[in-house]
Protein backbone atom coordinates (compact mmCIF):
# COMPACT_ATOMS: atom_id res chain seq x y z
CA MET A 1 26.12 -8.85 201.81
CA LYS A 2 25.13 -12.12 200.29
CA ILE A 3 26.29 -13.40 197.00
CA ILE A 4 23.42 -15.72 195.48
CA LYS A 5 24.58 -17.53 191.82
CA ASP A 6 21.28 -17.30 189.72
CA PRO A 7 21.13 -18.72 186.29
CA VAL A 8 19.36 -15.68 184.58
CA HIS A 9 21.22 -12.79 185.74
CA GLY A 10 24.51 -14.00 187.16
CA TYR A 11 25.89 -12.89 190.83
CA ILE A 12 22.91 -11.72 192.39
CA GLU A 13 23.81 -9.07 195.59
CA VAL A 14 21.64 -9.53 198.65
CA PRO A 15 21.48 -6.19 200.78
CA PRO A 16 22.68 -7.18 204.48
CA GLY A 17 19.33 -6.01 205.65
CA ILE A 18 17.41 -8.41 203.63
CA VAL A 19 18.86 -11.23 204.33
CA PRO A 20 16.90 -12.11 207.51
CA VAL A 21 13.32 -11.09 205.69
CA ILE A 22 14.83 -14.01 202.83
CA ASP A 23 15.00 -16.18 205.83
CA LEU A 24 11.92 -16.30 206.96
CA PRO A 25 9.24 -19.13 206.56
CA VAL A 26 6.68 -16.63 204.32
CA ILE A 27 9.64 -16.62 201.79
CA GLN A 28 11.01 -19.99 202.25
CA ARG A 29 7.42 -21.26 201.08
CA LEU A 30 7.93 -19.67 197.79
CA ARG A 31 10.38 -22.53 196.98
CA HIS A 32 8.02 -25.15 196.98
CA VAL A 33 5.55 -23.02 194.57
CA ARG A 34 5.89 -23.68 191.42
CA GLN A 35 5.95 -20.08 189.13
CA LEU A 36 4.11 -21.50 186.49
CA GLY A 37 1.47 -23.79 187.77
CA PHE A 38 1.08 -26.89 186.11
CA SER A 39 3.35 -25.68 182.78
CA TYR A 40 5.72 -28.57 183.74
CA LEU A 41 3.30 -30.91 182.08
CA VAL A 42 3.80 -29.37 178.67
CA TYR A 43 7.40 -28.11 179.59
CA PRO A 44 9.19 -30.27 181.66
CA GLY A 45 11.73 -28.63 182.78
CA ALA A 46 9.28 -25.54 184.48
CA ASN A 47 10.15 -26.46 187.82
CA HIS A 48 11.45 -22.87 188.38
CA SER A 49 9.67 -21.37 192.26
CA ARG A 50 8.44 -18.32 193.11
CA PHE A 51 11.40 -18.11 195.25
CA GLU A 52 14.01 -17.96 192.18
CA HIS A 53 11.74 -15.28 190.70
CA SER A 54 11.62 -12.94 194.09
CA LEU A 55 15.21 -12.92 194.23
CA GLY A 56 15.49 -11.77 190.06
CA THR A 57 12.64 -9.29 191.10
CA MET A 58 14.56 -8.09 194.05
CA HIS A 59 18.16 -7.95 192.09
CA LEU A 60 16.58 -5.87 189.14
CA ALA A 61 14.83 -3.89 191.76
CA HIS A 62 17.95 -2.86 193.28
CA LEU A 63 19.56 -1.98 189.71
CA VAL A 64 16.95 0.47 188.98
CA CYS A 65 17.66 2.01 192.47
CA ARG A 66 21.10 2.82 192.02
CA GLU A 67 20.63 3.74 188.64
CA ALA A 68 18.03 6.30 189.05
CA GLU A 69 19.81 7.05 192.26
CA ILE A 70 16.96 6.81 194.62
CA PRO A 71 17.20 7.74 198.07
CA GLU A 72 18.88 4.44 200.52
CA ARG A 73 15.77 4.62 202.58
CA ASP A 74 13.61 4.47 199.77
CA GLU A 75 15.43 2.08 198.38
CA THR A 76 15.39 -0.46 201.11
CA GLY A 77 11.79 -0.34 200.60
CA VAL A 78 11.40 -1.27 197.27
CA VAL A 79 13.93 -3.70 197.63
CA ALA A 80 12.06 -5.14 200.27
CA ALA A 81 8.64 -5.23 198.72
CA ALA A 82 10.25 -6.97 195.36
CA ILE A 83 11.47 -10.06 197.32
CA LEU A 84 8.05 -9.91 199.23
CA HIS A 85 5.26 -9.28 196.37
CA ASP A 86 4.69 -13.45 195.57
CA ILE A 87 4.33 -13.94 199.26
CA GLY A 88 0.45 -13.43 198.89
CA HIS A 89 0.57 -16.57 195.98
CA GLY A 90 -1.72 -19.58 196.68
CA PRO A 91 -0.68 -23.25 195.50
CA PHE A 92 0.77 -23.65 191.86
CA SER A 93 0.56 -19.96 191.96
CA HIS A 94 -2.04 -18.21 189.34
CA ALA A 95 -3.95 -21.82 189.05
CA SER A 96 -5.52 -21.20 191.95
CA GLU A 97 -5.73 -17.21 191.97
CA GLY A 98 -9.73 -17.40 190.76
CA LEU A 99 -10.68 -19.52 194.09
CA MET A 100 -8.82 -17.47 196.17
CA VAL A 101 -10.45 -14.46 195.28
CA GLU A 102 -14.11 -15.78 195.08
CA LEU A 103 -13.74 -17.60 198.33
CA LEU A 104 -12.02 -14.90 200.11
CA GLY A 105 -12.38 -11.59 198.50
CA ARG A 106 -8.38 -10.78 197.83
CA GLY A 107 -5.95 -11.66 195.42
CA HIS A 108 -2.20 -11.96 195.91
CA MET A 109 -1.01 -8.87 196.03
CA ASP A 110 -3.14 -8.12 198.79
CA ILE A 111 -0.52 -8.76 201.13
CA ARG A 112 -0.92 -6.59 204.26
CA GLY A 113 -2.58 -9.22 206.25
CA LEU A 114 0.86 -11.41 205.75
CA LEU A 115 2.80 -8.56 206.19
CA ALA A 116 1.41 -7.49 209.59
CA ALA A 117 1.91 -11.26 211.22
CA SER A 118 4.76 -11.95 213.13
CA PRO A 119 7.42 -13.11 212.48
CA LEU A 120 7.53 -10.78 208.89
CA ARG A 121 6.51 -7.63 211.09
CA GLU A 122 9.22 -7.56 213.94
CA ALA A 123 11.74 -7.76 210.61
CA LEU A 124 10.19 -4.46 208.32
CA ASP A 125 10.36 -2.70 212.27
CA ASP A 126 14.11 -3.79 212.30
CA LEU A 127 14.20 -2.06 208.74
CA SER A 128 12.37 0.56 209.89
CA LEU A 129 9.55 0.04 207.10
CA PRO A 130 6.31 0.68 207.83
CA VAL A 131 3.69 -2.26 206.64
CA ASP A 132 1.40 0.21 204.65
CA GLU A 133 4.59 1.23 202.61
CA ILE A 134 5.33 -2.32 201.31
CA ALA A 135 1.72 -3.05 200.54
CA GLY A 136 1.16 -0.03 198.44
CA LEU A 137 4.54 -0.84 196.52
CA VAL A 138 2.96 -4.42 196.06
CA ASN A 139 -0.59 -3.40 195.35
CA GLY A 140 0.74 -0.22 192.85
CA THR A 141 -0.61 2.50 195.14
CA HIS A 142 3.21 3.61 196.42
CA PRO A 143 4.71 6.49 194.32
CA LEU A 144 7.81 4.16 193.82
CA ALA A 145 5.23 0.82 192.27
CA GLY A 146 5.89 1.74 189.04
CA ILE A 147 9.28 -0.01 189.70
CA LEU A 148 7.54 -3.37 190.46
CA HIS A 149 4.23 -2.54 188.63
CA GLY A 150 4.09 -1.05 185.34
CA GLU A 151 4.68 -1.84 181.71
CA LEU A 152 8.27 -2.09 181.57
CA ASP A 153 7.98 -3.32 185.37
CA VAL A 154 11.09 -5.47 186.69
CA ASP A 155 8.42 -8.41 188.15
CA ARG A 156 7.35 -8.40 184.63
CA MET A 157 11.43 -8.42 182.93
CA ASP A 158 12.51 -11.35 185.14
CA TYR A 159 9.78 -13.56 185.07
CA LEU A 160 9.47 -13.15 180.69
CA LEU A 161 13.46 -13.97 181.02
CA ARG A 162 13.03 -16.64 183.75
CA ASP A 163 9.67 -18.77 182.30
CA ALA A 164 11.55 -18.43 178.87
CA HIS A 165 14.62 -20.00 180.29
CA TYR A 166 13.20 -22.61 182.13
CA THR A 167 10.87 -24.06 179.25
CA GLY A 168 12.72 -23.30 176.22
CA ALA A 169 10.16 -21.55 174.11
CA PRO A 170 12.82 -18.70 172.66
CA TYR A 171 10.29 -16.02 172.78
CA GLY A 172 11.27 -14.45 175.82
CA THR A 173 14.11 -12.26 174.82
CA VAL A 174 14.20 -9.08 176.63
CA ASP A 175 17.30 -6.73 177.23
CA ALA A 176 16.72 -6.17 180.96
CA GLU A 177 20.24 -4.34 181.37
CA ARG A 178 19.46 -1.79 178.77
CA LEU A 179 15.67 -1.08 180.16
CA VAL A 180 17.32 -0.58 183.40
CA ARG A 181 19.33 2.01 182.16
CA SER A 182 16.97 3.92 180.19
CA LEU A 183 14.30 4.37 182.87
CA ILE A 184 14.52 8.03 184.37
CA PRO A 185 12.74 9.33 187.34
CA GLY A 186 10.64 11.95 187.17
CA GLN A 187 7.81 13.72 188.79
CA GLN A 188 4.97 11.34 188.17
CA GLY A 189 7.02 8.28 187.86
CA PHE A 190 9.76 7.02 185.47
CA LEU A 191 9.98 7.89 181.65
CA LEU A 192 12.35 5.86 179.10
CA ASP A 193 15.27 7.42 177.40
CA GLU A 194 14.69 7.16 174.01
CA ASN A 195 18.15 4.94 173.41
CA GLY A 196 15.55 2.58 175.38
CA VAL A 197 12.90 1.98 172.80
CA GLN A 198 14.27 -1.28 171.21
CA ALA A 199 14.38 -2.68 174.83
CA ALA A 200 10.81 -1.71 175.58
CA GLU A 201 9.71 -3.25 172.17
CA SER A 202 11.63 -6.50 172.79
CA LEU A 203 9.49 -6.89 176.09
CA LEU A 204 6.52 -6.03 174.67
CA ILE A 205 6.84 -8.59 171.72
CA ALA A 206 8.07 -11.40 174.23
CA ARG A 207 5.34 -10.65 176.06
CA THR A 208 2.99 -11.35 173.52
CA LEU A 209 4.50 -14.75 171.89
CA MET A 210 4.90 -16.38 175.40
CA ARG A 211 1.29 -15.49 175.72
CA PRO A 212 -0.02 -18.88 173.87
CA ALA A 213 2.99 -20.60 173.80
CA VAL A 214 3.29 -20.42 177.76
CA TYR A 215 1.14 -18.82 179.60
CA TYR A 216 -2.18 -19.85 178.00
CA HIS A 217 -0.89 -23.21 176.39
CA HIS A 218 -4.40 -24.98 176.14
CA VAL A 219 -2.82 -28.45 178.17
CA SER A 220 -1.66 -25.73 180.57
CA ARG A 221 -4.93 -24.77 180.57
CA ILE A 222 -7.06 -27.37 181.24
CA ALA A 223 -4.59 -29.28 183.94
CA GLU A 224 -5.60 -25.70 186.03
CA GLN A 225 -9.20 -26.20 185.44
CA MET A 226 -8.92 -30.05 186.81
CA PHE A 227 -7.28 -28.58 189.61
CA MET A 228 -9.77 -25.53 190.35
CA LEU A 229 -12.31 -28.23 190.05
CA SER A 230 -10.55 -30.20 192.42
CA LEU A 231 -9.86 -27.81 195.45
CA SER A 232 -12.90 -25.95 195.01
CA ARG A 233 -15.36 -29.40 195.35
CA TYR A 234 -12.33 -30.31 198.35
CA LEU A 235 -13.17 -26.72 200.02
CA GLU A 236 -16.66 -26.81 199.67
CA ALA A 237 -16.51 -29.78 202.02
CA ASN A 238 -13.89 -28.61 204.26
CA PRO A 239 -14.87 -24.45 204.69
CA GLY A 240 -12.88 -24.14 207.64
CA GLU A 241 -9.84 -24.88 205.51
CA SER A 242 -10.34 -22.48 202.95
CA GLU A 243 -7.87 -19.31 204.57
CA ARG A 244 -5.37 -22.37 205.43
CA ALA A 245 -5.34 -24.10 201.62
CA PHE A 246 -4.01 -20.73 199.83
CA ARG A 247 -1.02 -20.80 202.44
CA TRP A 248 0.16 -24.05 201.13
CA ASP A 249 2.64 -24.97 199.31
CA ASP A 250 2.07 -27.06 195.89
CA TRP A 251 2.79 -30.41 197.65
CA PHE A 252 1.12 -30.24 200.75
CA CYS A 253 -2.47 -29.19 198.78
CA MET A 254 -1.65 -32.67 195.99
CA GLN A 255 -1.42 -34.34 199.37
CA ARG A 256 -4.44 -33.40 200.61
CA LEU A 257 -6.30 -33.73 197.50
CA THR A 258 -5.11 -37.05 196.73
CA GLN A 259 -5.76 -37.83 200.05
CA SER A 260 -9.41 -36.31 199.72
CA PRO A 261 -12.54 -38.62 201.23
CA ASP A 262 -14.61 -37.21 197.13
CA ALA A 263 -13.82 -39.68 194.83
CA VAL A 264 -14.37 -36.86 192.32
CA VAL A 265 -11.43 -34.52 194.08
CA ARG A 266 -9.49 -37.65 194.85
CA GLU A 267 -9.63 -39.12 190.49
CA LEU A 268 -9.08 -35.55 189.36
CA SER A 269 -6.20 -35.08 191.62
CA MET A 270 -4.75 -38.21 190.25
CA ARG A 271 -5.26 -37.59 186.73
CA LEU A 272 -3.11 -34.12 187.13
CA TYR A 273 -0.38 -36.21 189.05
CA GLU A 274 -0.55 -39.11 186.68
CA ARG A 275 -0.97 -36.46 183.68
CA ARG A 276 -4.48 -38.07 182.26
CA LEU A 277 -5.31 -34.83 181.32
CA TYR A 278 -9.03 -33.92 179.91
CA LYS A 279 -9.08 -32.83 175.96
CA ARG A 280 -10.55 -30.04 174.08
CA ALA A 281 -14.39 -30.38 173.05
CA LEU A 282 -14.24 -27.07 171.94
CA TYR A 283 -11.62 -24.09 171.68
CA ALA A 284 -13.30 -20.69 169.67
CA GLY A 285 -11.76 -17.77 169.28
CA GLN A 286 -13.44 -14.61 169.88
CA ASN A 287 -14.93 -14.42 166.21
CA GLU A 288 -17.19 -17.64 166.82
CA VAL A 289 -18.91 -16.54 170.30
CA ASN A 290 -19.89 -12.68 171.24
CA ALA A 291 -16.77 -11.83 172.71
CA ARG A 292 -18.15 -8.31 174.29
CA SER A 293 -19.86 -10.40 176.80
CA LEU A 294 -16.87 -11.63 178.32
CA ARG A 295 -14.53 -8.50 178.41
CA ASP A 296 -14.92 -8.88 181.76
CA ARG A 297 -13.67 -11.28 184.32
CA ILE A 298 -16.31 -14.27 184.43
CA PRO A 299 -16.19 -15.44 187.71
CA TYR A 300 -15.50 -19.26 188.45
CA ARG A 301 -19.05 -20.33 189.90
CA GLU A 302 -20.60 -18.54 186.60
CA SER A 303 -17.81 -21.10 184.39
CA ARG A 304 -19.00 -23.90 186.92
CA ARG A 305 -22.99 -23.28 185.59
CA LEU A 306 -22.09 -23.68 182.24
CA ALA A 307 -20.41 -26.51 182.49
CA HIS A 308 -23.31 -28.06 184.78
CA GLU A 309 -25.63 -26.52 181.89
CA ILE A 310 -23.75 -28.25 178.94
CA ALA A 311 -23.10 -31.75 180.98
CA GLU A 312 -26.93 -32.16 181.47
CA THR A 313 -27.22 -31.47 178.04
CA ALA A 314 -24.63 -33.67 176.78
CA GLY A 315 -25.54 -36.55 179.37
CA VAL A 316 -22.83 -36.80 181.30
CA GLY A 317 -21.33 -36.21 184.64
CA GLU A 318 -21.25 -32.79 185.48
CA HIS A 319 -17.47 -32.91 187.12
CA GLU A 320 -16.25 -34.12 183.49
CA VAL A 321 -17.06 -30.77 181.82
CA LEU A 322 -14.63 -28.51 182.62
CA VAL A 323 -14.99 -24.35 181.02
CA ASP A 324 -12.26 -21.95 180.67
CA ILE A 325 -13.18 -18.36 179.90
CA PRO A 326 -9.91 -16.68 180.66
CA PRO A 327 -10.01 -12.98 181.06
CA PHE A 328 -9.96 -10.74 177.70
CA PRO A 329 -6.45 -9.26 177.24
CA HIS A 330 -6.55 -5.89 177.57
CA ASP A 331 -4.57 -3.21 175.32
CA MET A 332 -1.07 -2.69 176.34
CA THR A 333 -1.80 1.09 177.08
CA MET A 334 2.29 1.85 177.49
CA GLY A 335 1.49 4.69 179.38
CA VAL A 336 5.74 5.26 180.12
CA MET A 337 6.78 8.58 178.42
CA VAL A 338 10.04 8.46 175.90
CA ARG A 339 11.93 11.20 176.37
CA ASN A 340 14.46 12.57 173.60
CA ARG A 341 16.57 16.12 173.10
CA HIS A 342 13.33 18.00 172.42
CA SER A 343 10.74 16.24 173.98
CA VAL A 344 8.68 13.62 175.86
CA THR A 345 5.89 11.06 173.77
CA THR A 346 4.11 8.57 174.60
CA LEU A 347 6.39 5.02 173.47
CA ALA A 348 2.75 4.49 171.40
CA GLU A 349 3.71 7.57 169.02
CA VAL A 350 7.33 6.77 168.61
CA SER A 351 6.71 2.55 168.01
CA PRO A 352 4.10 1.53 165.45
CA LEU A 353 4.38 -1.77 166.83
CA VAL A 354 2.12 -1.10 170.07
CA SER A 355 -1.48 -1.22 168.07
CA THR A 356 -0.13 -4.25 166.10
CA LEU A 357 1.07 -6.79 169.15
CA ASN A 358 -2.51 -5.81 170.62
CA GLU A 359 -4.63 -6.81 167.77
CA THR A 360 -2.42 -9.88 167.56
CA ARG A 361 -3.24 -10.45 171.32
CA ARG A 362 -7.09 -10.29 170.80
CA GLY A 363 -6.63 -12.28 168.04
CA GLN A 364 -4.46 -14.97 170.70
CA TRP A 365 -7.43 -15.62 173.02
CA ARG A 366 -9.70 -18.77 173.44
CA LEU A 367 -12.83 -19.82 174.88
CA GLY A 368 -11.67 -23.55 176.16
CA VAL A 369 -14.66 -26.66 177.38
CA TYR A 370 -12.65 -29.65 178.21
CA CYS A 371 -13.90 -33.29 179.31
CA PRO A 372 -11.86 -36.89 179.25
CA PRO A 373 -11.29 -37.93 175.72
CA ALA A 374 -14.34 -40.44 174.87
CA HIS A 375 -16.70 -37.89 175.68
CA ARG A 376 -15.27 -35.54 172.87
CA GLY A 377 -17.92 -35.59 170.34
CA PRO A 378 -21.03 -34.96 172.53
CA VAL A 379 -19.38 -32.36 174.79
CA GLY A 380 -18.57 -30.18 171.58
CA ASP A 381 -21.91 -30.26 170.17
CA ALA A 382 -23.51 -29.13 173.54
CA ALA A 383 -21.10 -26.93 174.17
CA ARG A 384 -21.64 -25.26 170.50
CA GLU A 385 -25.66 -25.34 171.53
CA VAL A 386 -25.21 -23.90 175.20
CA LEU A 387 -22.47 -21.24 174.32
CA HIS A 388 -24.07 -20.13 170.95
CA VAL A 389 -20.93 -20.87 168.92
CA HIS A 390 -21.03 -20.18 165.45
CA PRO A 391 -18.55 -21.29 162.42
CA VAL A 392 -15.81 -18.81 161.35
CA THR A 393 -16.33 -17.75 157.87
CA LEU A 394 -14.22 -16.15 155.31
CA GLN A 395 -15.72 -12.69 156.12
CA ASP A 396 -15.29 -13.33 159.57
CA ARG A 397 -11.66 -13.45 158.74
CA LEU A 398 -11.64 -10.49 156.21
CA PRO A 399 -10.71 -6.26 157.73
CA LEU A 400 -13.23 -4.32 158.24
CA ASP A 401 -13.15 -0.84 157.00
């Protein structure tokens, strides 16, 4: 048994069979991939890595398996999947996710190819863990995947606690220990004991408050869009590197971009390095745009088409306009059922907070158009014209019957 000191959970126990997995290069790479991408440009302390988060997720998954008395064979699979669940992330984590999906046709949870490669495949064979089982636990198709993927999963518990700790944001308070102790295995997944309802509410509140303060902070979004344009231009010129590029760590990726022969790629990456960021020319909520048409994820190529049209209208370079259309927040449905002494019901029926928080999340959504500071006026005007943005009126702010 290996013991690791963690600033969030204290001492983390690593089962002996998992130690060789942690030592593999595919896991050690995560030490050099920032958990929060470019959030360190907002919160200087946000330099924690995917490696730390993976350890924390493994720790909480281990606790859930013990509390729920999961059979040892299944416990080993869950713990292994927890430590491996983020190996599919590209450089700067979610900042490169959209390009990965567009160019490679897969996201960070599609890790079967990585699991099947040596020496990770051999390590899983030593644990008698089939690749398909671990892949199913990570992508959500395994019967026990709810431990890692769900409204109350250990992945979310850890990153909320960890991200709040390193950013200093006072919103990520989650009673993870109470939640772990309140999860009860059922025939169709896990149930929540009624004594854990307040702990579940704390997680929902933390998710809602951390969203605008950390995960969708406008400075982080601007930096991510600058990075995506830089990386996409680099890969357009070097299509043979697309597969390898999403296995780079943050530092190697920035080195390649800052040394690119493409002047635009160099300029954007050096702006990131020196924190000379673009600014907001437009920042619009759902009441100012046709939000219904934006419910589905907008492909990156479509955002670049819009940026090109805005740039032409404003008379600036195409690379000087970035259009950021984040996915519209889905409702937290909370499919987890709550068990009391007499019945089993939904959390939404027990807690009135769910509908309130869902409305808050919808109000947090913002469409952004970013450009160099000198072009904010003309780019903002062009963006309003191209995107058909209308000002919010008092009537828009009033509740409808």
